[in-house]
Protein backbone atom coordinates (compact mmCIF):
# COMPACT_ATOMS: atom_id res chain seq x y z
CA UNK A 1 0.14 0.11 -0.29
CA UNK A 2 1.21 3.40 -1.18
CA UNK A 3 1.06 6.01 1.72
CA UNK A 4 1.93 9.20 1.14
CA UNK A 5 2.08 12.60 3.56
CA UNK A 6 2.13 15.89 2.07
CA UNK A 7 2.99 19.33 3.93
CA UNK A 8 4.66 22.73 3.62
CA UNK A 9 8.64 22.85 2.82
CA UNK A 10 9.31 23.97 6.76
CA UNK A 11 7.48 21.02 8.10
CA UNK A 12 8.37 18.29 5.48
CA UNK A 13 12.25 17.63 7.67
CA UNK A 14 10.47 17.35 11.40
CA UNK A 15 7.68 15.63 10.03
CA UNK A 16 9.61 12.75 8.55
CA UNK A 17 11.75 12.07 11.38
CA UNK A 18 8.58 12.47 13.59
CA UNK A 19 6.70 9.69 11.65
CA UNK A 20 10.05 7.66 11.70
CA UNK A 21 10.18 7.60 15.20
CA UNK A 22 6.46 6.86 15.87
CA UNK A 23 6.36 3.83 13.31
CA UNK A 24 8.57 1.40 15.67
CA UNK A 25 5.93 2.11 19.03
CA UNK A 26 2.81 1.23 16.34
CA UNK A 27 4.56 -1.76 15.19
CA UNK A 28 4.38 -0.63 11.40
CA UNK A 29 6.44 -1.61 8.71
CA UNK A 30 7.15 -0.02 4.90
CA UNK A 31 8.41 3.09 3.61
CA UNK A 32 5.90 6.58 3.63
CA UNK A 33 6.96 9.19 1.68
CA UNK A 34 6.94 12.92 3.14
CA UNK A 35 6.45 15.48 0.53
CA UNK A 36 6.11 18.61 0.44
CA UNK A 37 3.48 20.73 -1.87
CA UNK A 38 4.27 21.27 -5.24
CA UNK A 39 1.63 23.44 -6.98
CA UNK A 40 2.69 22.95 -10.74
CA UNK A 41 2.28 18.94 -10.23
CA UNK A 42 -1.35 16.92 -10.65
CA UNK A 43 -1.52 14.68 -7.73
CA UNK A 44 -3.16 11.13 -8.80
CA UNK A 45 -4.13 8.77 -6.63
CA UNK A 46 -6.54 5.48 -6.95
CA UNK A 47 -8.75 3.70 -4.41
CA UNK A 48 -7.43 5.93 -1.69
CA UNK A 49 -8.07 7.39 1.74
CA UNK A 50 -7.73 10.94 2.23
CA UNK A 51 -6.96 11.34 6.07
CA UNK A 52 -6.96 15.44 6.80
CA UNK A 53 -5.01 15.29 10.43
CA UNK A 54 -2.21 17.00 11.96
CA UNK A 55 -0.80 14.83 14.92
CA UNK A 56 1.73 12.24 13.45
CA UNK A 57 0.68 9.35 16.27
CA UNK A 58 -3.24 9.52 15.32
CA UNK A 59 -2.92 9.72 11.43
CA UNK A 60 -0.42 6.77 11.86
CA UNK A 61 -3.45 5.05 13.48
CA UNK A 62 -5.43 5.67 11.01
CA UNK A 63 -3.09 4.07 8.43
CA UNK A 64 -2.74 1.24 10.50
CA UNK A 65 -6.75 0.40 10.61
CA UNK A 66 -7.02 1.52 6.83
CA UNK A 67 -4.28 -1.18 6.06
CA UNK A 68 -6.28 -3.37 8.45
CA UNK A 69 -9.43 -2.78 6.75
CA UNK A 70 -8.20 -3.72 2.88
CA UNK A 71 -10.25 -1.22 1.38
CA UNK A 72 -8.19 0.91 0.13
CA UNK A 73 -4.78 0.77 -2.61
CA UNK A 74 -3.60 4.26 -1.05
CA UNK A 75 -3.64 6.60 1.42
CA UNK A 76 -2.99 10.00 1.28
CA UNK A 77 -2.42 12.27 4.51
CA UNK A 78 -2.01 16.31 4.74
CA UNK A 79 -1.42 18.23 8.14
CA UNK A 80 -2.78 21.80 7.38
CA UNK A 81 -5.43 23.60 6.40
CA UNK A 82 -3.70 25.73 3.62
CA UNK A 83 -2.05 22.38 2.16
CA UNK A 84 -5.39 20.74 2.11
CA UNK A 85 -6.92 23.27 0.44
CA UNK A 86 -3.87 23.20 -2.63
CA UNK A 87 -4.14 19.33 -2.64
CA UNK A 88 -8.01 19.47 -3.20
CA UNK A 89 -7.71 21.69 -5.93
CA UNK A 90 -4.77 19.98 -7.64
CA UNK A 91 -6.51 16.17 -7.22
CA UNK A 92 -7.72 14.92 -10.15
CA UNK A 93 -9.67 11.41 -8.82
CA UNK A 94 -12.06 11.78 -5.78
CA UNK A 95 -11.17 9.28 -2.52
CA UNK A 96 -12.75 6.56 -1.53
CA UNK A 97 -13.19 8.30 1.66
CA UNK A 98 -12.40 11.27 3.38
CA UNK A 99 -10.87 11.73 7.53
CA UNK A 100 -11.08 15.40 8.72
CA UNK A 101 -10.02 16.26 12.53
CA UNK A 102 -12.36 18.99 13.36
CA UNK A 103 -9.31 20.91 15.07
CA UNK A 104 -6.14 21.31 12.97
CA UNK A 105 -2.96 23.15 15.36
CA UNK A 106 -2.47 23.95 18.61
CA UNK A 107 -3.42 26.35 21.50
CA UNK A 108 0.51 27.07 21.74
CA UNK A 109 0.31 28.48 18.10
CA UNK A 110 -3.53 29.27 16.67
CA UNK A 111 -6.32 26.67 16.22
CA UNK A 112 -7.49 26.45 12.61
CA UNK A 113 -11.39 26.32 11.79
CA UNK A 114 -12.26 23.55 9.40
CA UNK A 115 -15.42 23.97 8.86
CA UNK A 116 -14.41 25.85 5.45
CA UNK A 117 -12.66 22.93 4.35
CA UNK A 118 -15.58 20.83 4.79
CA UNK A 119 -17.48 22.98 2.40
CA UNK A 120 -14.54 22.84 -0.39
CA UNK A 121 -14.30 19.39 0.44
CA UNK A 122 -18.19 18.78 -0.44
CA UNK A 123 -18.06 20.76 -3.41
CA UNK A 124 -15.08 18.99 -5.05
CA UNK A 125 -15.87 15.39 -4.04
CA UNK A 126 -19.94 15.35 -3.70
CA UNK A 127 -20.53 11.85 -3.28
CA UNK A 128 -17.47 10.93 -1.18
CA UNK A 129 -18.48 10.66 2.60
CA UNK A 130 -16.05 12.71 5.27
CA UNK A 131 -15.86 10.89 8.52
CA UNK A 132 -14.80 13.18 11.36
CA UNK A 133 -12.90 12.68 14.62
CA UNK A 134 -13.06 15.44 17.13
CA UNK A 135 -11.11 15.52 20.19
CA UNK A 136 -13.15 17.86 22.97
CA UNK A 137 -13.96 16.51 25.95
CA UNK A 138 -15.57 19.27 28.09
CA UNK A 139 -18.40 21.83 25.99
CA UNK A 140 -16.91 24.36 28.42
CA UNK A 141 -14.17 24.86 26.58
CA UNK A 142 -14.76 27.65 24.42
CA UNK A 143 -12.42 26.99 21.69
CA UNK A 144 -13.01 23.70 21.01
CA UNK A 145 -16.20 22.80 22.24
CA UNK A 146 -18.11 25.61 20.21
CA UNK A 147 -16.40 24.58 16.50
CA UNK A 148 -17.06 21.37 17.65
CA UNK A 149 -20.59 21.39 18.57
CA UNK A 150 -20.87 23.12 15.07
CA UNK A 151 -19.28 20.76 12.91
CA UNK A 152 -20.91 17.16 14.22
CA UNK A 153 -24.40 19.36 13.49
CA UNK A 154 -23.46 20.09 10.09
CA UNK A 155 -22.19 16.50 9.94
CA UNK A 156 -25.35 15.07 11.28
CA UNK A 157 -27.49 17.26 8.98
CA UNK A 158 -25.73 15.56 5.77
CA UNK A 159 -25.95 12.41 7.45
CA UNK A 160 -22.13 11.63 7.99
CA UNK A 161 -20.51 10.03 10.87
CA UNK A 162 -18.49 12.01 13.59
CA UNK A 163 -16.23 9.64 16.06
CA UNK A 164 -14.03 10.52 19.33
CA UNK A 165 -10.66 10.85 18.35
CA UNK A 166 -9.67 9.09 21.21
CA UNK A 167 -11.64 5.56 20.56
CA UNK A 168 -10.10 4.97 17.13
CA UNK A 169 -6.89 4.40 18.84
CA UNK A 170 -8.55 0.84 18.58
CA UNK A 171 -7.40 -0.24 14.97
CA UNK A 172 -9.43 -3.07 14.72
CA UNK A 173 -12.81 -0.65 15.27
CA UNK A 174 -12.01 1.79 12.89
CA UNK A 175 -10.74 -0.72 10.39
CA UNK A 176 -14.72 -1.92 10.48
CA UNK A 177 -15.84 1.63 10.06
CA UNK A 178 -13.68 1.80 6.73
CA UNK A 179 -14.84 -1.38 5.53
CA UNK A 180 -18.88 -0.44 6.60
CA UNK A 181 -18.12 2.87 4.95
CA UNK A 182 -16.71 1.35 1.57
CA UNK A 183 -19.65 -1.11 0.56
CA UNK A 184 -21.61 2.06 1.31
CA UNK A 185 -20.09 3.60 -1.24
CA UNK A 186 -20.24 1.29 -3.49
CA UNK A 187 -23.20 0.56 -2.83
CA UNK A 188 -24.62 3.93 -3.65
CA UNK A 189 -22.52 4.38 -7.18
CA UNK A 190 -24.51 1.18 -8.09
CA UNK A 191 -27.71 2.53 -7.32
CA UNK A 192 -26.57 5.76 -9.58
CA UNK A 193 -25.28 3.75 -12.27
CA UNK A 194 -28.36 1.75 -12.35
CA UNK A 195 -30.97 5.42 -11.96
CA UNK A 196 -28.94 6.74 -14.53
CA UNK A 197 -29.34 3.40 -16.33
CA UNK A 198 -33.32 3.52 -15.79
CA UNK A 199 -34.00 7.17 -17.27
CA UNK A 200 -32.19 6.19 -20.42
CA UNK A 201 -34.45 2.96 -20.59
CA UNK A 202 -37.27 5.07 -19.80
CA UNK A 203 -36.64 7.59 -22.60
CA UNK A 204 -35.61 4.71 -25.14
CA UNK A 205 -38.85 2.78 -23.94
CA UNK A 206 -41.31 5.69 -24.62
CA UNK A 207 -39.81 6.22 -28.55
CA UNK A 208 -42.07 4.49 -31.17
CA UNK A 209 -40.32 1.11 -33.19
CA UNK A 210 -41.61 3.77 -36.07
CA UNK A 211 -39.95 6.69 -35.17
CA UNK A 212 -36.10 4.80 -35.26
CA UNK A 213 -34.06 4.24 -38.09
CA UNK A 214 -34.44 0.63 -39.34
CA UNK A 215 -30.40 1.21 -40.71
CA UNK A 216 -27.78 3.18 -40.47
CA UNK A 217 -27.08 3.27 -44.00
CA UNK A 218 -23.81 1.91 -43.60
CA UNK A 219 -23.04 -2.12 -44.81
CA UNK A 220 -20.65 -2.51 -41.42
CA UNK A 221 -23.44 -1.92 -39.13
CA UNK A 222 -25.77 -4.71 -39.24
CA UNK A 223 -28.47 -5.45 -36.93
CA UNK A 224 -32.47 -4.14 -37.54
CA UNK A 225 -33.01 -5.25 -33.07
CA UNK A 226 -34.27 -1.93 -31.55
CA UNK A 227 -30.51 -1.55 -29.32
CA UNK A 228 -29.54 -0.90 -32.89
CA UNK A 229 -32.16 0.90 -33.90
CA UNK A 230 -32.03 3.32 -30.86
CA UNK A 231 -27.88 3.72 -31.51
CA UNK A 232 -28.58 4.63 -35.57
CA UNK A 233 -30.91 7.33 -34.22
CA UNK A 234 -28.65 8.16 -31.89
CA UNK A 235 -25.82 8.34 -34.92
CA UNK A 236 -28.29 10.24 -37.11
CA UNK A 237 -28.58 13.10 -34.27
CA UNK A 238 -24.72 13.45 -34.74
CA UNK A 239 -24.77 13.52 -38.58
CA UNK A 240 -24.45 17.65 -38.67
CA UNK A 241 -22.35 18.13 -35.76
CA UNK A 242 -18.67 18.14 -34.93
CA UNK A 243 -18.31 18.29 -31.18
CA UNK A 244 -16.26 15.92 -29.00
CA UNK A 245 -18.06 12.34 -29.09
CA UNK A 246 -17.24 9.72 -26.30
CA UNK A 247 -18.01 6.03 -27.27
CA UNK A 248 -18.78 3.74 -24.45
CA UNK A 249 -19.13 -0.08 -25.30
CA UNK A 250 -17.86 -3.48 -24.06
CA UNK A 251 -14.57 -4.99 -25.45
CA UNK A 252 -15.62 -6.48 -28.91
CA UNK A 253 -18.80 -4.71 -29.33
CA UNK A 254 -17.96 -2.86 -32.22
CA UNK A 255 -16.38 0.98 -30.91
CA UNK A 256 -14.38 1.02 -34.29
CA UNK A 257 -17.46 1.16 -36.64
CA UNK A 258 -19.47 3.40 -34.70
CA UNK A 259 -16.45 5.78 -34.77
CA UNK A 260 -15.73 5.58 -38.49
CA UNK A 261 -19.89 5.79 -39.08
CA UNK A 262 -20.10 9.18 -37.29
CA UNK A 263 -16.87 10.61 -39.21
CA UNK A 264 -18.32 9.42 -42.52
CA UNK A 265 -21.61 11.16 -41.59
CA UNK A 266 -20.12 13.99 -40.75
CA UNK A 267 -19.27 17.33 -42.42
CA UNK A 268 -15.60 16.45 -42.55
CA UNK A 269 -16.77 13.04 -43.51
CA UNK A 270 -15.32 10.89 -46.88
CA UNK A 271 -16.74 12.95 -49.53
CA UNK A 272 -14.31 15.69 -48.42
CA UNK A 273 -10.57 16.16 -48.28
CA UNK A 274 -10.33 15.57 -44.76
CA UNK A 275 -8.62 12.41 -43.26
CA UNK A 276 -9.33 9.73 -40.29
CA UNK A 277 -7.26 8.52 -38.31
CA UNK A 278 -7.22 5.98 -35.71
CA UNK A 279 -5.02 5.52 -32.30
CA UNK A 280 -5.36 2.63 -30.29
CA UNK A 281 -4.38 3.73 -26.89
CA UNK A 282 -3.71 0.31 -25.46
CA UNK A 283 -0.74 0.26 -27.26
CA UNK A 284 0.82 3.40 -26.06
CA UNK A 285 4.40 3.09 -24.37
CA UNK A 286 4.35 3.33 -20.91
CA UNK A 287 6.81 6.33 -21.78
CA UNK A 288 5.36 9.37 -21.65
CA UNK A 289 8.03 11.10 -23.61
CA UNK A 290 6.77 8.63 -26.34
CA UNK A 291 3.23 8.97 -26.25
CA UNK A 292 3.62 12.94 -26.19
CA UNK A 293 5.86 13.02 -28.99
CA UNK A 294 3.11 11.01 -30.92
CA UNK A 295 0.18 13.32 -30.15
CA UNK A 296 1.84 16.81 -30.05
CA UNK A 297 5.21 16.15 -32.07
CA UNK A 298 8.40 17.22 -30.31
CA UNK A 299 11.90 19.36 -30.98
CA UNK A 300 15.08 17.84 -31.34
CA UNK A 301 16.68 17.39 -27.99
CA UNK A 302 13.53 17.04 -26.50
CA UNK A 303 14.33 13.98 -24.88
CA UNK A 304 16.89 11.19 -25.50
CA UNK A 305 16.51 9.42 -28.70
CA UNK A 306 14.83 13.13 -30.15
CA UNK A 307 17.51 13.36 -32.85
CA UNK A 308 15.31 15.41 -35.21
CA UNK A 309 12.19 17.75 -35.12
CA UNK A 310 8.96 15.78 -35.69
CA UNK A 311 5.13 16.47 -36.12
CA UNK A 312 2.48 14.57 -33.43
CA UNK A 313 -1.04 13.20 -34.85
CA UNK A 314 -2.46 16.91 -33.90
CA UNK A 315 -0.68 18.83 -36.23
CA UNK A 316 -0.81 15.75 -39.21
CA UNK A 317 -4.07 15.26 -39.05
CA UNK A 318 -5.31 19.25 -39.21
CA UNK A 319 -8.85 19.39 -40.45
CA UNK A 320 -9.66 16.30 -40.02
CA UNK A 321 -10.81 13.39 -37.21
CA UNK A 322 -8.37 11.28 -34.71
CA UNK A 323 -10.30 8.23 -32.74
CA UNK A 324 -8.68 7.54 -30.15
CA UNK A 325 -9.47 4.25 -28.55
CA UNK A 326 -9.13 3.44 -24.75
CA UNK A 327 -8.71 6.34 -23.90
CA UNK A 328 -8.02 5.30 -20.09
CA UNK A 329 -4.59 4.31 -21.71
CA UNK A 330 -3.94 8.00 -22.22
CA UNK A 331 -1.18 9.14 -19.67
CA UNK A 332 -2.59 11.74 -17.03
CA UNK A 333 -0.01 14.25 -18.16
CA UNK A 334 -1.25 14.18 -21.86
CA UNK A 335 -4.43 14.03 -20.76
CA UNK A 336 -3.94 17.57 -19.06
CA UNK A 337 -2.18 18.73 -22.39
CA UNK A 338 -5.01 17.52 -24.84
CA UNK A 339 -7.39 19.56 -22.29
CA UNK A 340 -5.80 22.67 -22.83
CA UNK A 341 -5.62 21.73 -26.88
CA UNK A 342 -9.31 21.52 -26.43
CA UNK A 343 -9.89 24.71 -25.08
CA UNK A 344 -8.22 26.96 -27.77
CA UNK A 345 -7.39 24.22 -30.51
CA UNK A 346 -3.33 25.10 -29.45
CA UNK A 347 -0.42 22.98 -28.72
CA UNK A 348 3.44 23.22 -27.77
CA UNK A 349 5.51 20.47 -29.43
CA UNK A 350 7.59 18.00 -26.52
CA UNK A 351 10.17 20.01 -25.57
CA UNK A 352 9.73 23.70 -26.79
CA UNK A 353 7.30 25.95 -24.66
CA UNK A 354 7.39 29.25 -26.95
CA UNK A 355 6.06 28.23 -30.48
CA UNK A 356 2.78 27.51 -30.48
CA UNK A 357 1.10 25.39 -33.01
CA UNK A 358 -2.87 25.52 -33.62
CA UNK A 359 -5.06 22.40 -35.29
CA UNK A 360 -8.21 22.52 -36.14
CA UNK A 361 -8.89 18.44 -35.33
CA UNK A 362 -12.52 16.84 -34.23
CA UNK A 363 -11.66 14.31 -31.75
CA UNK A 364 -13.12 10.86 -31.07
CA UNK A 365 -13.13 8.89 -27.86
CA UNK A 366 -13.93 5.46 -27.04
CA UNK A 367 -13.26 2.92 -23.78
CA UNK A 368 -14.86 -0.42 -22.49
CA UNK A 369 -14.45 0.69 -19.16
CA UNK A 370 -16.61 2.49 -16.31
CA UNK A 371 -15.94 6.33 -16.64
CA UNK A 372 -16.46 6.52 -12.60
CA UNK A 373 -14.34 3.53 -11.93
CA UNK A 374 -11.68 4.55 -14.24
CA UNK A 375 -11.68 8.31 -12.72
CA UNK A 376 -11.21 6.56 -9.45
CA UNK A 377 -8.75 4.50 -10.47
CA UNK A 378 -7.17 7.63 -11.24
CA UNK A 379 -6.83 6.64 -14.97
CA UNK A 380 -9.10 9.43 -16.63
CA UNK A 381 -9.11 12.41 -15.31
CA UNK A 382 -12.26 14.04 -14.24
CA UNK A 383 -12.25 17.65 -15.95
CA UNK A 384 -10.73 16.17 -19.17
CA UNK A 385 -13.77 13.17 -19.10
CA UNK A 386 -16.35 15.89 -18.79
CA UNK A 387 -14.78 17.82 -21.65
CA UNK A 388 -14.60 14.79 -24.23
CA UNK A 389 -18.12 13.46 -23.20
CA UNK A 390 -20.24 16.54 -24.48
CA UNK A 391 -22.19 13.59 -26.57
CA UNK A 392 -21.94 10.07 -25.12
CA UNK A 393 -23.27 7.17 -27.63
CA UNK A 394 -23.72 3.69 -25.90
CA UNK A 395 -22.87 0.54 -27.97
CA UNK A 396 -25.31 -2.64 -26.83
CA UNK A 397 -23.34 -5.41 -26.09
CA UNK A 398 -24.22 -8.56 -28.27
CA UNK A 399 -26.32 -9.92 -25.13
CA UNK A 400 -28.65 -6.66 -25.51
CA UNK A 401 -28.98 -7.58 -29.04
CA UNK A 402 -29.56 -11.79 -29.49
CA UNK A 403 -32.00 -11.60 -31.97
CA UNK A 404 -29.20 -9.73 -34.21
CA UNK A 405 -27.08 -12.98 -34.20
CA UNK A 406 -28.12 -14.30 -37.61
CA UNK A 407 -28.06 -11.03 -39.61
CA UNK A 408 -24.47 -11.02 -38.48
CA UNK A 409 -23.19 -14.35 -39.17
CA UNK A 410 -25.03 -14.32 -42.68
CA UNK A 411 -22.65 -10.33 -42.76
CA UNK A 412 -19.54 -12.30 -41.59
CA UNK A 413 -19.83 -15.58 -44.08
CA UNK A 414 -20.24 -13.38 -47.16
CA UNK A 415 -17.87 -10.60 -46.20
CA UNK A 416 -15.27 -10.31 -48.56
CA UNK A 417 -12.73 -9.07 -47.09
CA UNK A 418 -12.95 -11.84 -44.21
CA UNK A 419 -13.10 -14.35 -46.76
CA UNK A 420 -9.99 -13.86 -48.28
CA UNK A 421 -7.79 -13.04 -45.16
CA UNK A 422 -8.33 -15.85 -43.60
CA UNK A 423 -9.37 -18.83 -45.81
CA UNK A 424 -7.70 -17.12 -49.30
CA UNK A 425 -10.55 -16.80 -51.34
CA UNK A 426 -13.43 -14.42 -51.05
CA UNK A 427 -15.49 -16.65 -53.79
CA UNK A 428 -16.06 -19.39 -51.42
CA UNK A 429 -19.84 -19.77 -50.56
CA UNK A 430 -21.14 -21.36 -46.90
CA UNK A 431 -24.08 -22.45 -45.68
CA UNK A 432 -25.09 -22.91 -41.84
CA UNK A 433 -27.35 -26.11 -40.46
CA UNK A 434 -30.16 -25.07 -38.75
CA UNK A 435 -29.38 -26.61 -35.43
CA UNK A 436 -25.56 -25.11 -35.73
CA UNK A 437 -27.51 -21.61 -36.29
CA UNK A 438 -29.49 -21.98 -33.12
CA UNK A 439 -26.18 -22.80 -30.97
CA UNK A 440 -24.08 -20.18 -32.35
CA UNK A 441 -27.63 -18.04 -31.29
CA UNK A 442 -28.01 -19.15 -28.08
CA UNK A 443 -24.04 -18.93 -26.81
CA UNK A 444 -23.35 -15.98 -24.51
CA UNK A 445 -20.54 -13.74 -26.81
CA UNK A 446 -18.72 -12.01 -23.71
CA UNK A 447 -16.16 -10.81 -25.96
CA UNK A 448 -19.24 -9.63 -28.30
CA UNK A 449 -19.13 -9.45 -32.14
CA UNK A 450 -15.53 -9.57 -31.95
CA UNK A 451 -15.89 -13.31 -30.33
CA UNK A 452 -18.74 -14.39 -32.83
CA UNK A 453 -16.26 -13.55 -35.45
CA UNK A 454 -13.48 -15.50 -34.50
CA UNK A 455 -15.58 -18.15 -33.56
CA UNK A 456 -17.25 -18.62 -37.40
CA UNK A 457 -13.59 -17.95 -38.71
CA UNK A 458 -12.75 -21.23 -36.76
CA UNK A 459 -15.83 -22.83 -37.85
CA UNK A 460 -15.46 -22.04 -41.94
CA UNK A 461 -11.97 -23.51 -41.59
CA UNK A 462 -13.66 -26.68 -40.19
CA UNK A 463 -16.40 -27.19 -42.42
CA UNK A 464 -13.78 -26.45 -45.37
CA UNK A 465 -13.77 -30.32 -45.88
CA UNK A 466 -17.34 -30.45 -45.71
CA UNK A 467 -18.63 -29.27 -48.80
CA UNK A 468 -18.24 -25.47 -47.08
CA UNK A 469 -21.46 -26.55 -44.85
CA UNK A 470 -20.86 -25.73 -41.19
CA UNK A 471 -22.76 -28.15 -39.12
CA UNK A 472 -23.42 -28.38 -35.24
CA UNK A 473 -20.37 -30.14 -35.03
CA UNK A 474 -17.69 -27.52 -36.65
CA UNK A 475 -19.71 -24.82 -34.16
CA UNK A 476 -19.40 -26.71 -31.05
CA UNK A 477 -15.46 -27.32 -31.62
CA UNK A 478 -15.56 -23.73 -32.75
CA UNK A 479 -16.65 -22.49 -29.40
CA UNK A 480 -15.01 -25.07 -27.29
CA UNK A 481 -11.42 -24.11 -28.58
CA UNK A 482 -12.05 -21.02 -26.72
CA UNK A 483 -11.43 -22.75 -23.43
CA UNK A 484 -7.70 -23.64 -23.35
CA UNK A 485 -4.66 -22.72 -25.76
CA UNK A 486 -2.27 -19.49 -25.73
CA UNK A 487 -4.12 -16.21 -23.79
CA UNK A 488 -4.17 -13.56 -26.89
CA UNK A 489 -3.43 -9.70 -26.03
CA UNK A 490 -6.89 -9.10 -27.42
CA UNK A 491 -8.89 -11.36 -25.27
CA UNK A 492 -6.75 -9.94 -22.02
CA UNK A 493 -8.08 -6.78 -22.65
CA UNK A 494 -11.62 -7.74 -22.00
CA UNK A 495 -10.54 -10.60 -19.08
CA UNK A 496 -8.92 -7.63 -17.14
CA UNK A 497 -12.67 -5.88 -16.75
CA UNK A 498 -14.04 -9.54 -15.54
CA UNK A 499 -11.35 -9.82 -12.76
CA UNK A 500 -11.83 -6.01 -11.86
CA UNK A 501 -15.58 -7.51 -11.27
CA UNK A 502 -14.94 -10.22 -9.44
CA UNK A 503 -12.80 -7.92 -7.24
CA UNK A 504 -15.51 -5.52 -6.50
CA UNK A 505 -17.90 -8.17 -5.85
CA UNK A 506 -15.06 -9.43 -3.34
CA UNK A 507 -14.59 -5.87 -2.07
CA UNK A 508 -18.45 -5.03 -1.51
CA UNK A 509 -19.78 -8.18 -0.35
CA UNK A 510 -16.85 -10.48 1.35
CA UNK A 511 -14.69 -8.79 2.65
CA UNK A 512 -14.71 -10.20 6.11
CA UNK A 513 -14.38 -13.95 4.55
CA UNK A 514 -11.10 -15.77 4.95
CA UNK A 515 -12.20 -17.92 2.08
CA UNK A 516 -14.55 -17.66 -0.77
CA UNK A 517 -15.89 -20.40 -3.13
CA UNK A 518 -16.57 -19.79 -6.66
CA UNK A 519 -20.60 -20.87 -5.79
CA UNK A 520 -20.46 -17.34 -3.33
CA UNK A 521 -19.45 -15.22 -6.28
CA UNK A 522 -22.54 -16.49 -9.08
CA UNK A 523 -25.81 -14.71 -7.31
CA UNK A 524 -23.67 -11.36 -7.55
CA UNK A 525 -22.74 -11.84 -11.13
CA UNK A 526 -25.09 -11.34 -13.29
CA UNK A 527 -25.99 -8.52 -14.63
CA UNK A 528 -29.06 -6.37 -13.52
CA UNK A 529 -29.88 -5.32 -16.41
CA UNK A 530 -31.25 -8.59 -17.25
CA UNK A 531 -32.54 -8.98 -13.84
CA UNK A 532 -30.89 -12.75 -13.94
CA UNK A 533 -29.56 -12.46 -10.02
CA UNK A 534 -29.72 -15.77 -9.62
CA UNK A 535 -27.72 -17.74 -12.57
CA UNK A 536 -26.35 -21.11 -12.11
CA UNK A 537 -23.25 -22.34 -10.98
CA UNK A 538 -23.03 -24.41 -14.29
CA UNK A 539 -23.80 -21.19 -16.69
CA UNK A 540 -21.24 -19.49 -14.79
CA UNK A 541 -18.57 -21.68 -15.33
CA UNK A 542 -19.50 -22.53 -19.38
CA UNK A 543 -19.96 -19.09 -20.01
CA UNK A 544 -18.22 -16.62 -18.14
CA UNK A 545 -15.36 -18.74 -16.64
CA UNK A 546 -14.01 -21.86 -18.85
CA UNK A 547 -14.06 -19.37 -21.65
CA UNK A 548 -11.74 -16.85 -19.81
CA UNK A 549 -9.32 -19.58 -17.89
CA UNK A 550 -6.27 -18.85 -20.38
CA UNK A 551 -6.24 -15.46 -19.63
CA UNK A 552 -6.91 -15.51 -16.44
CA UNK A 553 -3.90 -17.48 -15.86
CA UNK A 554 -1.71 -15.42 -17.53
CA UNK A 555 -2.96 -12.40 -16.03
CA UNK A 556 -2.90 -13.00 -12.47
CA UNK A 557 0.97 -14.75 -13.04
CA UNK A 558 1.81 -11.11 -14.49
CA UNK A 559 -0.03 -8.64 -12.25
CA UNK A 560 0.24 -10.07 -9.32
CA UNK A 561 -1.05 -7.14 -7.37
CA UNK A 562 -3.50 -6.05 -9.06
CA UNK A 563 -6.22 -8.58 -7.60
CA UNK A 564 -5.35 -8.62 -4.27
CA UNK A 565 -8.68 -9.79 -2.75
CA UNK A 566 -9.00 -12.70 -5.53
CA UNK A 567 -5.26 -14.04 -4.18
CA UNK A 568 -6.12 -12.85 -0.35
CA UNK A 569 -9.46 -14.30 -0.22
CA UNK A 570 -8.31 -17.86 -1.83
CA UNK A 571 -10.56 -18.02 -4.73
CA UNK A 572 -9.45 -20.25 -7.38
CA UNK A 573 -10.72 -19.09 -10.58
CA UNK A 574 -8.66 -21.41 -13.05
CA UNK A 575 -11.39 -24.38 -11.18
CA UNK A 576 -14.94 -24.81 -12.65
CA UNK A 577 -17.18 -27.04 -13.80
CA UNK A 578 -18.14 -27.99 -17.84
CA UNK A 579 -21.52 -26.90 -18.25
CA UNK A 580 -24.08 -29.43 -18.13
């Protein structure tokens, strides 16, 4: 767990020495980084506790309780009102939880009133609960008692908790408080997501079928289901605008073709001279220099290896459209610079802050992640998300449009590019037995259209020896291949989200358990969209677990620190029974 203490420059050294001395008495191990506030730096933390406390012994108690709770990945501490206010303004992600000491300072110096700080915290982080700590023992103490009483009243009115500061020295007690607060936070988030989703569903239901387009006008956007017709309606509304667009959709659901359709139908579309560029942010290097260079260009000598001046994509694509897939993989420093570009259309080449360049580019972004989750993980800046989300397009998963599967199958079997690339000839004519078609339609494609396409490519290869006729045998074999073999990077991107979901289920429902069985997970896993709250374990194993086993093994081995609860609760995701 990463622990960071932020203070002013004068206090940094003595505070570090005091923490070092007190850590031994509390039996604490590990490094605690003590930093002075830097106002030109963006502070980005993920799944963190934000503690505002000025007594070293007290915030070390908070740290010990937080670690014991297992509810946080990081802890951020600051010790004065001034530092806290600066830090709040520079913070780009919302904390999981905030603790606030009602009284900072001492009688020998002066006490700082934290009521204004409380209001600022609620303004910046409106959905984060604040736990108040008061150390007053007597209401006769005018300095302490009055302020504490006012804040207690304020906390009670806002439905938040206040604790006696001396009681949290019992670490197990405070650890339980932290766990309960995080459960409540995650529950509220799910409720908010469901309310937003229900609101959209109500709006969608109110639109008569007759008012929905039957087609997008694009041969590569296939489907006649209501969910696809609603998508076509959204795309039609974007035809005459050039605003930023954020596309949300599960991995493999078709974000690339939707982005291309938005471009083609826009004033900058294919009938004009404006170019279209695709950037897969998932392929970005961990080296921020190369990412900044790719986006903004660089000048000679900007970093090691920058031997000549170079134009970036924003300069190259002037008057065109750029599609950024998997926006959560753009480094925060690049998001900050893109935010500036979105405001005025101007940028500097990396390594030169003197000469400004200007370009006019329409930007489309996409992600298969939940934006709120990405923001809380520190992967997406909140203000950047707000800026790119002028229009939001949601792509339905294949499970939401099962009636489209026969149409998609017919499209893929007759797609000349696919036939030529994978089977060597675009003239092959495949047919599908009715039993095979029903089997393919019934399968749960967690990888969406991309997975369906891969299954059909294998089935076509098997059917070549059967006069190009796909039978139930070919279809079954093509699907069962997914249960083993080598783990492909594109499949593992989706499984990463699967593991995040399992981790959240454990965090929300089984945090106090020492062991969790797959059977315990199953009832919480099914999507509330389909109201299947009690799916059977064989179904879960066959359709959710077994097809992912190779990627699960690869990810758990190579990213052991990403899902600590899956390991801590001894849940074996590589086990699983075959469906009955």
